[in-house]
Amino acid sequence: MQRMKNHLTLSGLCAGAIKTVVVALLFTQPLSAADPLADALLGEFALQRGEMPAAARSYAAAAAASASPKLLERAATIALYARDYRSARMVGERWLQVDSAAAGALRTLAWAAASEADANSAFKHLEALLAANTVESQRAAAQVLIAAENRGSAPGLLERLATRHGLQRLPQGPNWSSLASNLGLHALAARLAEADVEAEPKNPESHRRLAQARLAAGDRNGSAQALKRALALKPEDFDLRLALAVVYAEDQRYLDADKVLAQSEDGSERVFGARIANAAREAQPALLKRIERALKRTSPETLPTRAFLLGQVAELGKRWDDALAWYAKETTDAAINDAALRRAVISAREKSDLAAAQALLVAMRERSSEAEVDVDAWLLETELVAEKDRPAAAAIYDAALAAHPRDFRLLYARALYRVENDDLAGLEADLRTILDIDPDNPQALNALGYTLADKTERHDEALGYIKRALEIDPNEGAFIDSMGWVQYRLGNLSEALRYLKRAYSLIQDGEVAAHLAEVLWVSGERDEAEKLWREALGRWPENEALLDSIHRLNPGLRR
């Protein structure tokens, strides 16, 4: 039911729609042998039963004998939703007979043709839409091109349309440059954005779009130039300033990025937060000094969390005592708990004083009446203690869950802790507790399914959990990786490769790379597997899943 999400809405396929259609028919059509009312009712009943093909056919029959624009639009929508392109073409042609300029009719015909890879017909109808030169017709053309089922033919169609028509952008109309980028046509996207800038040189949004297009094409310098022009037109726009800083940071120009951010007239916490995040990429002493001096010039009244931010700067510079001192001075509600968490981390990891860290976290729990803050403190304590004494961490998890027996974060964290101890029964118990409370929790479903697939022979059961997680969030890379892995464990190599390749395109991660490389190796694509292993080792040399897959299957790779 997600196949046309964001591109085609059924706007209430059920509730209230049948009344609208029936009323329209009663006022536009006499009852006859070709009875559109009867066919529309049959279509509606089929729709209520979830029988989309039958609904599409019945509505197409109703449309063939009707002149009602509402019914024609509804019949077209249902036919496209059902992917019944024969019915869609019939409805579209009838709609044009009723209204030769109907954008909906041209959209229907172009959509059906593009979906069936009839590029010439699709192009003809898209041309007709663009010739109308209205916002409605342009949006209709864009809907056809962006639809998931048309992605194969859409890039070629957009290239032809741009060559023939130039794709003039209307106010409130679609952003052709963004559409081109979405379809992977980065050079075309930049050309279209340049045309927008030429048409509207004083519009900062035109320059912003050009910057986005150039960045997508890998032209960071060109993107920076466009952002500088946009910022000159709209210096108060912090998002533009942040975008330019990010482009500079990607080129390792961290001081330039900081200068851009520091020039903001809004000397707020978000400005300093962005400056500190930029500095965190490469904590250069000169850069940290600039930020520290600026923070010390502010007052607690102007910047309430000044002490916390100064603590972050000191921590980035590895000045642990200074960081602890600044964090201890923070008193604002917005940052006091975060400051306590950072003090605990520094005490345990940098000062080797786990007892002091635990005392800080106990005090944090005693001071707060908020369950979320309490759980934050418990979670950090278990993490820090586990680094030194894993059995002791188990007791802390038990105490935390005695205080918060239904907290998903604690249950999930203990489940992961237990699987690292090979306590599969404990992991399963915690995840099932989450699912007892929330049967559709996708993270718990996926974690349980993946663990069963990876650690047990209960692969069919694992498949069921992962399927449910994917039904809830079909585009989550971790869930797609799990589906690929369970398909591999079930022996379905082609399906495993399909899922794992998609997962790796969504999330660049050492474990996903390990899964994909292993399935490539077992499938006989050993050159591709070795290439991926080598690439992944360069990026994630310490990843345990990656090292394990190489050790088991191709140990000579590391010699």
Protein backbone atom coordinates (compact mmCIF):
# COMPACT_ATOMS: atom_id res chain seq x y z
CA MET A 1 0.00 0.00 0.00
CA GLN A 2 3.05 2.28 -0.03
CA ARG A 3 3.76 1.97 -3.73
CA MET A 4 2.77 5.56 -4.62
CA LYS A 5 3.53 7.28 -1.35
CA ASN A 6 4.04 11.05 -1.70
CA HIS A 7 3.20 11.04 -5.40
CA LEU A 8 -0.41 9.89 -5.64
CA THR A 9 -2.95 10.29 -2.89
CA LEU A 10 -6.18 8.38 -2.79
CA SER A 11 -7.57 11.14 -0.53
CA GLY A 12 -9.91 8.94 1.37
CA LEU A 13 -10.43 5.92 -0.83
CA CYS A 14 -13.19 4.91 1.50
CA ALA A 15 -14.81 7.31 3.96
CA GLY A 16 -17.09 9.76 2.22
CA ALA A 17 -15.78 9.20 -1.30
CA ILE A 18 -18.62 7.02 -2.53
CA LYS A 19 -21.16 9.70 -1.60
CA THR A 20 -19.30 12.31 -3.67
CA VAL A 21 -19.13 10.04 -6.71
CA VAL A 22 -22.75 8.92 -6.48
CA VAL A 23 -24.08 12.47 -6.12
CA ALA A 24 -22.03 13.57 -9.13
CA LEU A 25 -23.40 10.69 -11.20
CA LEU A 26 -27.03 11.32 -10.25
CA PHE A 27 -26.75 14.89 -11.52
CA THR A 28 -24.81 14.14 -14.72
CA GLN A 29 -25.99 10.75 -15.97
CA PRO A 30 -29.34 9.10 -16.69
CA LEU A 31 -29.54 5.45 -15.75
CA SER A 32 -29.18 3.24 -18.87
CA ALA A 33 -27.89 -0.11 -20.04
CA ALA A 34 -24.39 1.28 -19.63
CA ASP A 35 -24.93 2.24 -16.02
CA PRO A 36 -21.95 4.14 -14.55
CA LEU A 37 -23.62 4.35 -11.16
CA ALA A 38 -23.84 0.57 -10.90
CA ASP A 39 -20.25 0.12 -12.04
CA ALA A 40 -19.04 2.79 -9.61
CA LEU A 41 -20.86 1.03 -6.77
CA LEU A 42 -19.31 -2.30 -7.77
CA GLY A 43 -15.91 -0.62 -7.84
CA GLU A 44 -16.45 0.93 -4.44
CA PHE A 45 -17.51 -2.36 -2.89
CA ALA A 46 -14.43 -4.07 -4.39
CA LEU A 47 -12.32 -1.27 -2.95
CA GLN A 48 -13.80 -1.79 0.52
CA ARG A 49 -12.81 -5.48 0.27
CA GLY A 50 -9.27 -4.55 -0.74
CA GLU A 51 -9.71 -6.00 -4.25
CA MET A 52 -7.83 -3.32 -6.15
CA PRO A 53 -7.78 -4.96 -9.64
CA ALA A 54 -11.57 -5.48 -9.57
CA ALA A 55 -12.10 -1.93 -8.29
CA ALA A 56 -9.96 -0.53 -11.11
CA ARG A 57 -11.87 -2.48 -13.79
CA SER A 58 -15.30 -1.51 -12.43
CA TYR A 59 -14.39 2.15 -12.09
CA ALA A 60 -12.93 2.15 -15.62
CA ALA A 61 -16.24 0.77 -16.90
CA ALA A 62 -18.10 3.50 -15.02
CA ALA A 63 -15.76 6.15 -16.45
CA ALA A 64 -16.32 4.95 -20.02
CA ALA A 65 -20.02 5.90 -19.78
CA SER A 66 -19.65 9.02 -17.62
CA ALA A 67 -18.82 12.68 -18.09
CA SER A 68 -18.39 13.34 -14.36
CA PRO A 69 -14.94 14.89 -13.70
CA LYS A 70 -15.02 13.60 -10.12
CA LEU A 71 -15.67 10.03 -11.22
CA LEU A 72 -13.06 10.22 -13.99
CA GLU A 73 -10.46 11.50 -11.54
CA ARG A 74 -11.29 8.79 -9.03
CA ALA A 75 -11.24 6.05 -11.66
CA ALA A 76 -7.84 7.22 -12.87
CA THR A 77 -6.42 7.34 -9.34
CA ILE A 78 -7.62 3.83 -8.55
CA ALA A 79 -6.32 2.41 -11.84
CA LEU A 80 -2.85 3.88 -11.26
CA TYR A 81 -2.84 2.74 -7.63
CA ALA A 82 -3.72 -0.78 -8.75
CA ARG A 83 -1.09 -0.56 -11.53
CA ASP A 84 -3.78 -1.47 -14.03
CA TYR A 85 -2.37 0.58 -16.86
CA ARG A 86 -4.83 -0.69 -19.46
CA SER A 87 -7.68 0.70 -17.37
CA ALA A 88 -5.68 3.86 -16.72
CA ARG A 89 -5.27 4.47 -20.45
CA MET A 90 -8.99 3.90 -21.05
CA VAL A 91 -9.93 6.36 -18.32
CA GLY A 92 -7.36 8.92 -19.47
CA GLU A 93 -8.61 8.85 -23.06
CA ARG A 94 -12.23 9.20 -21.94
CA TRP A 95 -11.26 12.08 -19.66
CA LEU A 96 -9.65 13.91 -22.60
CA GLN A 97 -12.89 13.46 -24.57
CA VAL A 98 -14.72 15.23 -21.77
CA ASP A 99 -12.03 17.90 -21.21
CA SER A 100 -9.29 18.14 -23.82
CA ALA A 101 -7.08 20.22 -21.51
CA ALA A 102 -7.47 18.21 -18.29
CA ALA A 103 -4.07 18.02 -16.59
CA GLY A 104 -5.24 14.96 -14.65
CA ALA A 105 -6.01 13.10 -17.87
CA LEU A 106 -2.61 13.88 -19.40
CA ARG A 107 -0.92 12.91 -16.14
CA THR A 108 -2.79 9.58 -16.11
CA LEU A 109 -1.78 8.77 -19.70
CA ALA A 110 1.84 9.84 -19.18
CA TRP A 111 2.07 7.83 -15.94
CA ALA A 112 0.70 4.68 -17.58
CA ALA A 113 3.02 5.02 -20.58
CA ALA A 114 6.12 5.67 -18.45
CA SER A 115 5.27 2.73 -16.20
CA GLU A 116 5.10 0.47 -19.25
CA ALA A 117 8.35 1.91 -20.67
CA ASP A 118 6.54 3.51 -23.62
CA ALA A 119 8.84 6.52 -23.62
CA ASN A 120 7.49 8.15 -26.77
CA SER A 121 3.88 8.16 -25.58
CA ALA A 122 4.92 9.34 -22.13
CA PHE A 123 6.96 12.15 -23.69
CA LYS A 124 4.02 13.24 -25.88
CA HIS A 125 1.70 13.59 -22.88
CA LEU A 126 4.35 15.25 -20.71
CA GLU A 127 4.99 17.74 -23.52
CA ALA A 128 1.30 18.56 -23.58
CA LEU A 129 1.37 19.19 -19.83
CA LEU A 130 4.35 21.52 -20.08
CA ALA A 131 2.82 23.35 -23.05
CA ALA A 132 -0.07 24.36 -20.79
CA ASN A 133 2.52 26.21 -18.65
CA THR A 134 0.44 26.27 -15.47
CA VAL A 135 1.46 25.33 -11.95
CA GLU A 136 -1.07 22.48 -11.98
CA SER A 137 0.22 21.03 -15.24
CA GLN A 138 3.87 21.35 -14.20
CA ARG A 139 3.16 19.62 -10.90
CA ALA A 140 1.33 16.84 -12.76
CA ALA A 141 4.38 16.29 -15.00
CA ALA A 142 6.69 16.24 -11.98
CA GLN A 143 4.47 13.66 -10.24
CA VAL A 144 4.84 11.33 -13.21
CA LEU A 145 8.61 11.67 -13.26
CA ILE A 146 9.16 11.18 -9.55
CA ALA A 147 6.86 8.16 -9.14
CA ALA A 148 8.69 5.06 -7.92
CA GLU A 149 7.41 2.83 -10.74
CA ASN A 150 8.60 5.32 -13.38
CA ARG A 151 12.16 5.70 -12.13
CA GLY A 152 13.59 3.66 -15.00
CA SER A 153 12.30 5.92 -17.76
CA ALA A 154 12.14 9.21 -15.85
CA PRO A 155 15.77 10.39 -16.31
CA GLY A 156 15.62 10.02 -20.10
CA LEU A 157 12.25 11.73 -20.25
CA LEU A 158 13.44 14.66 -18.14
CA GLU A 159 16.55 15.08 -20.33
CA ARG A 160 14.35 15.20 -23.46
CA LEU A 161 11.92 17.64 -21.89
CA ALA A 162 14.75 19.93 -20.79
CA THR A 163 16.25 19.88 -24.29
CA ARG A 164 12.93 20.65 -25.96
CA HIS A 165 11.33 23.04 -23.47
CA GLY A 166 14.01 24.35 -21.13
CA LEU A 167 11.78 23.54 -18.13
CA GLN A 168 10.84 27.07 -17.17
CA ARG A 169 10.22 27.28 -13.44
CA LEU A 170 6.99 28.91 -12.28
CA PRO A 171 6.42 30.43 -8.83
CA GLN A 172 4.90 27.68 -6.66
CA GLY A 173 5.72 25.17 -9.39
CA PRO A 174 8.04 22.16 -9.07
CA ASN A 175 11.76 22.65 -8.55
CA TRP A 176 13.13 21.07 -11.72
CA SER A 177 16.71 21.30 -10.53
CA SER A 178 15.93 19.31 -7.36
CA LEU A 179 13.96 16.80 -9.43
CA ALA A 180 16.94 16.32 -11.75
CA SER A 181 19.23 15.78 -8.76
CA ASN A 182 16.76 13.27 -7.32
CA LEU A 183 16.94 11.33 -10.59
CA GLY A 184 20.75 11.38 -10.59
CA LEU A 185 21.04 13.95 -13.40
CA HIS A 186 23.50 16.19 -11.58
CA ALA A 187 24.83 18.04 -14.63
CA LEU A 188 21.29 18.81 -15.77
CA ALA A 189 20.36 19.87 -12.23
CA ALA A 190 23.22 22.39 -12.21
CA ARG A 191 22.22 23.76 -15.64
CA LEU A 192 18.61 24.20 -14.55
CA ALA A 193 19.69 25.89 -11.31
CA GLU A 194 21.98 28.22 -13.26
CA ALA A 195 19.00 29.19 -15.43
CA ASP A 196 17.03 29.96 -12.26
CA VAL A 197 19.84 32.20 -11.03
CA GLU A 198 19.97 34.01 -14.36
CA ALA A 199 16.21 34.58 -14.21
CA GLU A 200 16.23 35.64 -10.54
CA PRO A 201 19.73 36.92 -9.66
CA LYS A 202 18.48 38.74 -6.55
CA ASN A 203 16.68 35.71 -5.14
CA PRO A 204 18.81 33.92 -2.49
CA GLU A 205 16.76 30.76 -2.98
CA SER A 206 17.94 30.52 -6.60
CA HIS A 207 21.55 30.61 -5.42
CA ARG A 208 20.76 28.09 -2.68
CA ARG A 209 19.34 25.67 -5.26
CA LEU A 210 22.40 26.14 -7.45
CA ALA A 211 24.62 25.38 -4.45
CA GLN A 212 22.68 22.18 -3.75
CA ALA A 213 22.93 21.08 -7.38
CA ARG A 214 26.67 21.75 -7.58
CA LEU A 215 27.29 19.96 -4.30
CA ALA A 216 25.34 16.90 -5.53
CA ALA A 217 27.57 16.95 -8.63
CA GLY A 218 30.68 16.94 -6.42
CA ASP A 219 31.60 20.58 -7.13
CA ARG A 220 32.22 21.83 -3.59
CA ASN A 221 34.02 24.98 -4.73
CA GLY A 222 31.14 25.94 -7.04
CA SER A 223 28.68 25.17 -4.26
CA ALA A 224 30.57 27.44 -1.86
CA GLN A 225 30.57 30.28 -4.38
CA ALA A 226 26.79 30.00 -4.84
CA LEU A 227 26.24 29.93 -1.07
CA LYS A 228 28.41 33.03 -0.60
CA ARG A 229 26.26 34.89 -3.12
CA ALA A 230 23.09 33.70 -1.40
CA LEU A 231 24.46 34.75 1.99
CA ALA A 232 25.36 38.20 0.64
CA LEU A 233 21.71 38.61 -0.31
CA LYS A 234 20.37 37.23 2.97
CA PRO A 235 23.05 37.51 5.69
CA GLU A 236 20.58 36.83 8.52
CA ASP A 237 19.80 33.33 7.18
CA PHE A 238 21.64 31.03 9.58
CA ASP A 239 20.82 27.92 7.55
CA LEU A 240 22.71 29.41 4.57
CA ARG A 241 25.61 30.25 6.85
CA LEU A 242 25.63 26.74 8.28
CA ALA A 243 25.49 25.18 4.78
CA LEU A 244 28.54 27.22 3.69
CA ALA A 245 30.39 26.22 6.86
CA VAL A 246 29.67 22.55 6.18
CA VAL A 247 31.02 22.84 2.62
CA TYR A 248 34.21 24.45 3.99
CA ALA A 249 34.53 21.75 6.65
CA GLU A 250 34.20 19.03 4.01
CA ASP A 251 37.28 20.59 2.39
CA GLN A 252 38.98 20.62 5.81
CA ARG A 253 38.85 24.41 5.88
CA TYR A 254 37.79 24.44 9.52
CA LEU A 255 39.02 27.96 10.33
CA ASP A 256 37.11 29.34 7.32
CA ALA A 257 34.01 27.45 8.47
CA ASP A 258 34.35 28.94 11.95
CA LYS A 259 34.74 32.46 10.57
CA VAL A 260 31.52 32.12 8.59
CA LEU A 261 29.65 30.93 11.67
CA ALA A 262 31.22 33.55 13.94
CA GLN A 263 29.97 36.32 11.64
CA SER A 264 26.37 35.44 12.44
CA GLU A 265 24.49 38.29 14.05
CA ASP A 266 22.70 35.70 16.16
CA GLY A 267 25.26 34.95 18.89
CA SER A 268 23.06 32.21 20.33
CA GLU A 269 23.67 28.73 21.60
CA ARG A 270 22.97 27.25 18.18
CA VAL A 271 25.79 29.38 16.73
CA PHE A 272 28.26 28.25 19.38
CA GLY A 273 26.96 24.71 19.11
CA ALA A 274 27.68 24.74 15.37
CA ARG A 275 31.13 26.23 15.95
CA ILE A 276 31.97 23.56 18.53
CA ALA A 277 30.65 20.78 16.25
CA ASN A 278 32.89 22.11 13.48
CA ALA A 279 35.86 22.19 15.85
CA ALA A 280 35.14 18.60 16.91
CA ARG A 281 36.09 17.43 13.40
CA GLU A 282 39.66 18.55 14.00
CA ALA A 283 40.37 20.14 17.35
CA GLN A 284 43.04 22.66 16.29
CA PRO A 285 44.35 24.75 19.23
CA ALA A 286 43.91 28.03 17.32
CA LEU A 287 40.32 27.19 16.46
CA LEU A 288 39.47 26.21 20.03
CA LYS A 289 41.07 29.41 21.36
CA ARG A 290 38.90 31.52 19.01
CA ILE A 291 35.74 29.88 20.31
CA GLU A 292 36.85 30.02 23.95
CA ARG A 293 37.61 33.76 23.72
CA ALA A 294 34.23 34.44 22.16
CA LEU A 295 32.44 32.44 24.87
CA LYS A 296 34.28 34.24 27.65
CA ARG A 297 33.11 37.57 26.21
CA THR A 298 29.50 36.54 26.71
CA SER A 299 27.63 36.68 29.98
CA PRO A 300 25.43 34.04 31.63
CA GLU A 301 22.46 36.32 30.95
CA THR A 302 23.21 36.40 27.23
CA LEU A 303 24.22 32.76 26.94
CA PRO A 304 22.82 30.73 29.86
CA THR A 305 24.75 27.54 29.07
CA ARG A 306 28.11 29.30 28.71
CA ALA A 307 29.78 27.06 31.31
CA PHE A 308 28.65 23.89 29.54
CA LEU A 309 29.91 25.17 26.17
CA LEU A 310 33.26 26.18 27.69
CA GLY A 311 33.46 22.68 29.17
CA GLN A 312 32.96 21.22 25.67
CA VAL A 313 35.76 23.39 24.28
CA ALA A 314 38.12 22.34 27.08
CA GLU A 315 37.19 18.68 26.57
CA LEU A 316 37.94 18.90 22.84
CA GLY A 317 41.35 20.31 23.77
CA LYS A 318 41.87 17.38 26.20
CA ARG A 319 42.18 19.79 29.11
CA TRP A 320 40.38 17.44 31.43
CA ASP A 321 40.65 19.42 34.68
CA ASP A 322 39.43 22.60 32.98
CA ALA A 323 36.54 20.68 31.42
CA LEU A 324 35.53 19.22 34.79
CA ALA A 325 35.69 22.66 36.41
CA TRP A 326 33.55 24.31 33.73
CA TYR A 327 30.98 21.51 33.70
CA ALA A 328 30.70 21.75 37.49
CA LYS A 329 29.79 25.46 37.17
CA GLU A 330 26.79 24.81 34.89
CA THR A 331 23.52 25.51 36.73
CA THR A 332 20.88 25.97 34.01
CA ASP A 333 18.14 23.38 33.72
CA ALA A 334 18.81 23.04 29.98
CA ALA A 335 22.39 21.83 30.44
CA ILE A 336 23.03 20.76 34.02
CA ASN A 337 22.27 17.10 33.39
CA ASP A 338 24.34 16.96 30.20
CA ALA A 339 27.18 18.56 32.14
CA ALA A 340 26.91 15.87 34.84
CA LEU A 341 27.03 13.12 32.19
CA ARG A 342 30.17 14.63 30.62
CA ARG A 343 31.83 14.91 34.06
CA ALA A 344 31.11 11.24 34.67
CA VAL A 345 32.62 10.22 31.32
CA ILE A 346 35.78 12.26 31.90
CA SER A 347 36.14 11.00 35.48
CA ALA A 348 35.85 7.34 34.45
CA ARG A 349 37.75 7.33 31.16
CA GLU A 350 40.30 10.10 31.41
CA LYS A 351 40.90 10.32 35.16
CA SER A 352 40.43 6.56 35.81
CA ASP A 353 38.10 7.32 38.71
CA LEU A 354 35.06 5.11 38.20
CA ALA A 355 33.87 5.64 41.78
CA ALA A 356 33.72 9.41 41.24
CA ALA A 357 31.81 8.88 37.99
CA GLN A 358 29.27 6.65 39.72
CA ALA A 359 28.85 9.16 42.55
CA LEU A 360 28.08 11.90 40.01
CA LEU A 361 25.45 9.72 38.32
CA VAL A 362 23.84 8.75 41.63
CA ALA A 363 23.64 12.45 42.56
CA MET A 364 22.13 13.20 39.17
CA ARG A 365 19.38 10.62 39.77
CA GLU A 366 18.72 11.95 43.26
CA ARG A 367 18.50 15.53 42.00
CA SER A 368 16.09 14.85 39.15
CA SER A 369 12.44 13.89 39.23
CA GLU A 370 12.29 13.13 35.50
CA ALA A 371 12.29 9.47 34.45
CA GLU A 372 14.18 10.26 31.23
CA VAL A 373 17.03 11.89 33.13
CA ASP A 374 17.08 8.99 35.59
CA VAL A 375 17.36 6.48 32.74
CA ASP A 376 20.12 8.52 31.06
CA ALA A 377 22.16 8.24 34.25
CA TRP A 378 21.51 4.50 34.60
CA LEU A 379 22.47 3.84 30.98
CA LEU A 380 25.76 5.71 31.25
CA GLU A 381 26.61 4.01 34.53
CA THR A 382 26.11 0.55 33.04
CA GLU A 383 28.22 1.50 30.02
CA LEU A 384 31.11 2.83 32.12
CA VAL A 385 31.04 -0.04 34.61
CA ALA A 386 30.85 -2.65 31.79
CA GLU A 387 34.15 -1.32 30.43
CA LYS A 388 35.82 -2.36 33.71
CA ASP A 389 33.64 -5.11 35.19
CA ARG A 390 30.95 -6.74 33.04
CA PRO A 391 29.38 -8.84 35.83
CA ALA A 392 28.99 -5.71 37.94
CA ALA A 393 27.20 -4.01 35.03
CA ALA A 394 24.59 -6.78 35.03
CA ALA A 395 23.68 -5.92 38.61
CA ILE A 396 23.31 -2.25 37.69
CA TYR A 397 21.01 -3.14 34.81
CA ASP A 398 18.90 -5.16 37.23
CA ALA A 399 18.69 -2.22 39.66
CA ALA A 400 17.80 0.19 36.85
CA LEU A 401 15.02 -2.07 35.57
CA ALA A 402 13.71 -2.59 39.09
CA ALA A 403 13.20 1.19 39.16
CA HIS A 404 11.92 1.40 35.56
CA PRO A 405 10.62 -2.07 34.61
CA ARG A 406 8.89 -0.95 31.39
CA ASP A 407 11.51 1.41 30.00
CA PHE A 408 12.30 0.44 26.41
CA ARG A 409 15.76 2.01 26.38
CA LEU A 410 16.89 0.05 29.42
CA LEU A 411 15.37 -3.20 28.16
CA TYR A 412 16.93 -2.77 24.73
CA ALA A 413 20.35 -1.83 26.17
CA ARG A 414 20.32 -4.86 28.50
CA ALA A 415 19.31 -7.08 25.59
CA LEU A 416 22.38 -5.95 23.62
CA TYR A 417 24.56 -6.39 26.71
CA ARG A 418 23.24 -9.91 27.14
CA VAL A 419 23.88 -10.95 23.53
CA GLU A 420 27.50 -9.82 23.91
CA ASN A 421 27.66 -12.29 26.84
CA ASP A 422 26.12 -15.02 24.64
CA ASP A 423 23.02 -14.91 26.85
CA LEU A 424 20.50 -15.43 24.03
CA ALA A 425 17.72 -16.42 26.40
CA GLY A 426 18.19 -13.17 28.33
CA LEU A 427 18.22 -11.12 25.14
CA GLU A 428 15.05 -12.79 23.91
CA ALA A 429 13.33 -12.22 27.27
CA ASP A 430 14.09 -8.48 27.22
CA LEU A 431 13.04 -8.00 23.61
CA ARG A 432 9.84 -9.97 24.17
CA THR A 433 9.06 -7.75 27.17
CA ILE A 434 9.26 -4.75 24.82
CA LEU A 435 7.04 -6.52 22.28
CA ASP A 436 4.52 -7.46 24.96
CA ILE A 437 4.15 -3.74 25.68
CA ASP A 438 4.47 -2.58 22.05
CA PRO A 439 3.95 -5.44 19.56
CA ASP A 440 4.88 -3.21 16.63
CA ASN A 441 8.16 -1.87 17.99
CA PRO A 442 10.33 -2.11 14.85
CA GLN A 443 13.71 -1.94 16.63
CA ALA A 444 12.81 -4.82 18.94
CA LEU A 445 11.37 -6.86 16.06
CA ASN A 446 14.49 -6.35 14.00
CA ALA A 447 16.89 -7.02 16.87
CA LEU A 448 15.12 -10.26 17.74
CA GLY A 449 14.91 -11.36 14.12
CA TYR A 450 18.53 -10.55 13.34
CA THR A 451 19.84 -12.28 16.47
CA LEU A 452 17.81 -15.41 15.79
CA ALA A 453 19.08 -15.42 12.20
CA ASP A 454 22.69 -14.86 13.19
CA LYS A 455 23.00 -16.91 16.37
CA THR A 456 20.47 -19.75 16.02
CA GLU A 457 18.91 -22.10 13.49
CA ARG A 458 15.44 -20.53 13.98
CA HIS A 459 15.66 -18.83 10.61
CA ASP A 460 12.00 -19.06 9.59
CA GLU A 461 10.95 -17.48 12.87
CA ALA A 462 13.59 -14.78 12.41
CA LEU A 463 12.25 -14.04 8.92
CA GLY A 464 8.81 -13.33 10.35
CA TYR A 465 10.10 -10.75 12.84
CA ILE A 466 12.24 -8.98 10.23
CA LYS A 467 9.35 -8.90 7.75
CA ARG A 468 7.19 -7.18 10.35
CA ALA A 469 9.92 -4.60 11.04
CA LEU A 470 10.25 -3.87 7.33
CA GLU A 471 6.50 -3.51 6.90
CA ILE A 472 6.63 -0.76 9.53
CA ASP A 473 9.71 0.99 8.08
CA PRO A 474 10.53 -0.35 4.59
CA ASN A 475 13.41 2.08 4.02
CA GLU A 476 15.40 1.49 7.22
CA GLY A 477 18.85 0.32 6.15
CA ALA A 478 19.44 -1.79 9.28
CA PHE A 479 16.22 -3.70 8.70
CA ILE A 480 17.09 -4.26 5.03
CA ASP A 481 20.50 -5.59 6.11
CA SER A 482 18.78 -8.00 8.51
CA MET A 483 16.50 -9.22 5.74
CA GLY A 484 19.51 -9.83 3.51
CA TRP A 485 21.26 -11.75 6.27
CA VAL A 486 18.29 -13.98 7.10
CA GLN A 487 17.81 -14.72 3.38
CA TYR A 488 21.46 -15.78 3.28
CA ARG A 489 20.98 -18.02 6.31
CA LEU A 490 17.96 -19.54 4.58
CA GLY A 491 20.07 -20.27 1.49
CA ASN A 492 18.40 -17.71 -0.78
CA LEU A 493 21.57 -16.15 -2.19
CA SER A 494 20.05 -14.02 -4.95
CA GLU A 495 17.52 -12.51 -2.54
CA ALA A 496 20.25 -11.98 0.03
CA LEU A 497 22.38 -10.08 -2.47
CA ARG A 498 19.45 -7.93 -3.55
CA TYR A 499 18.73 -6.81 0.00
CA LEU A 500 22.34 -6.44 1.10
CA LYS A 501 23.32 -4.32 -1.91
CA ARG A 502 20.44 -1.99 -1.14
CA ALA A 503 21.35 -1.90 2.56
CA TYR A 504 24.96 -0.98 1.75
CA SER A 505 23.78 1.81 -0.55
CA LEU A 506 21.75 3.23 2.36
CA ILE A 507 24.17 2.83 5.27
CA GLN A 508 27.93 2.72 4.89
CA ASP A 509 28.85 0.43 7.75
CA GLY A 510 31.52 -2.21 8.36
CA GLU A 511 29.06 -4.89 9.44
CA VAL A 512 26.84 -4.41 6.38
CA ALA A 513 29.97 -4.52 4.20
CA ALA A 514 30.97 -7.78 5.90
CA HIS A 515 27.56 -9.31 5.21
CA LEU A 516 27.57 -8.27 1.56
CA ALA A 517 31.15 -9.42 0.99
CA GLU A 518 30.41 -12.82 2.55
CA VAL A 519 27.38 -13.42 0.35
CA LEU A 520 29.30 -12.29 -2.74
CA TRP A 521 32.07 -14.75 -1.84
CA VAL A 522 29.72 -17.67 -1.27
CA SER A 523 27.84 -16.80 -4.49
CA GLY A 524 31.06 -17.18 -6.47
CA GLU A 525 31.63 -13.45 -7.07
CA ARG A 526 34.98 -13.61 -5.35
CA ASP A 527 36.70 -10.72 -7.10
CA GLU A 528 33.86 -8.43 -6.07
CA ALA A 529 33.98 -9.81 -2.53
CA GLU A 530 37.74 -9.20 -2.23
CA LYS A 531 37.37 -5.69 -3.63
CA LEU A 532 34.68 -4.89 -1.05
CA TRP A 533 36.65 -6.44 1.82
CA ARG A 534 39.73 -4.36 0.94
CA GLU A 535 37.71 -1.18 0.65
CA ALA A 536 35.94 -1.87 3.95
CA LEU A 537 39.19 -2.67 5.76
CA GLY A 538 40.51 0.72 4.72
CA ARG A 539 37.47 2.40 6.25
CA TRP A 540 36.72 0.20 9.28
CA PRO A 541 39.95 -1.68 10.12
CA GLU A 542 38.78 -2.67 13.62
CA ASN A 543 35.24 -3.79 12.78
CA GLU A 544 34.74 -7.20 14.39
CA ALA A 545 32.16 -8.51 11.91
CA LEU A 546 34.42 -7.53 9.02
CA LEU A 547 37.51 -9.15 10.52
CA ASP A 548 35.53 -12.29 11.38
CA SER A 549 34.21 -12.72 7.83
CA ILE A 550 37.72 -12.36 6.38
CA HIS A 551 39.20 -14.75 8.95
CA ARG A 552 36.60 -17.43 8.20
CA LEU A 553 36.46 -17.14 4.42
CA ASN A 554 39.62 -15.51 3.08
CA PRO A 555 42.34 -15.32 5.76
CA GLY A 556 45.05 -14.76 3.16
CA LEU A 557 43.61 -11.34 2.38
CA ARG A 558 45.35 -9.78 5.41
CA ARG A 559 48.77 -11.33 4.90
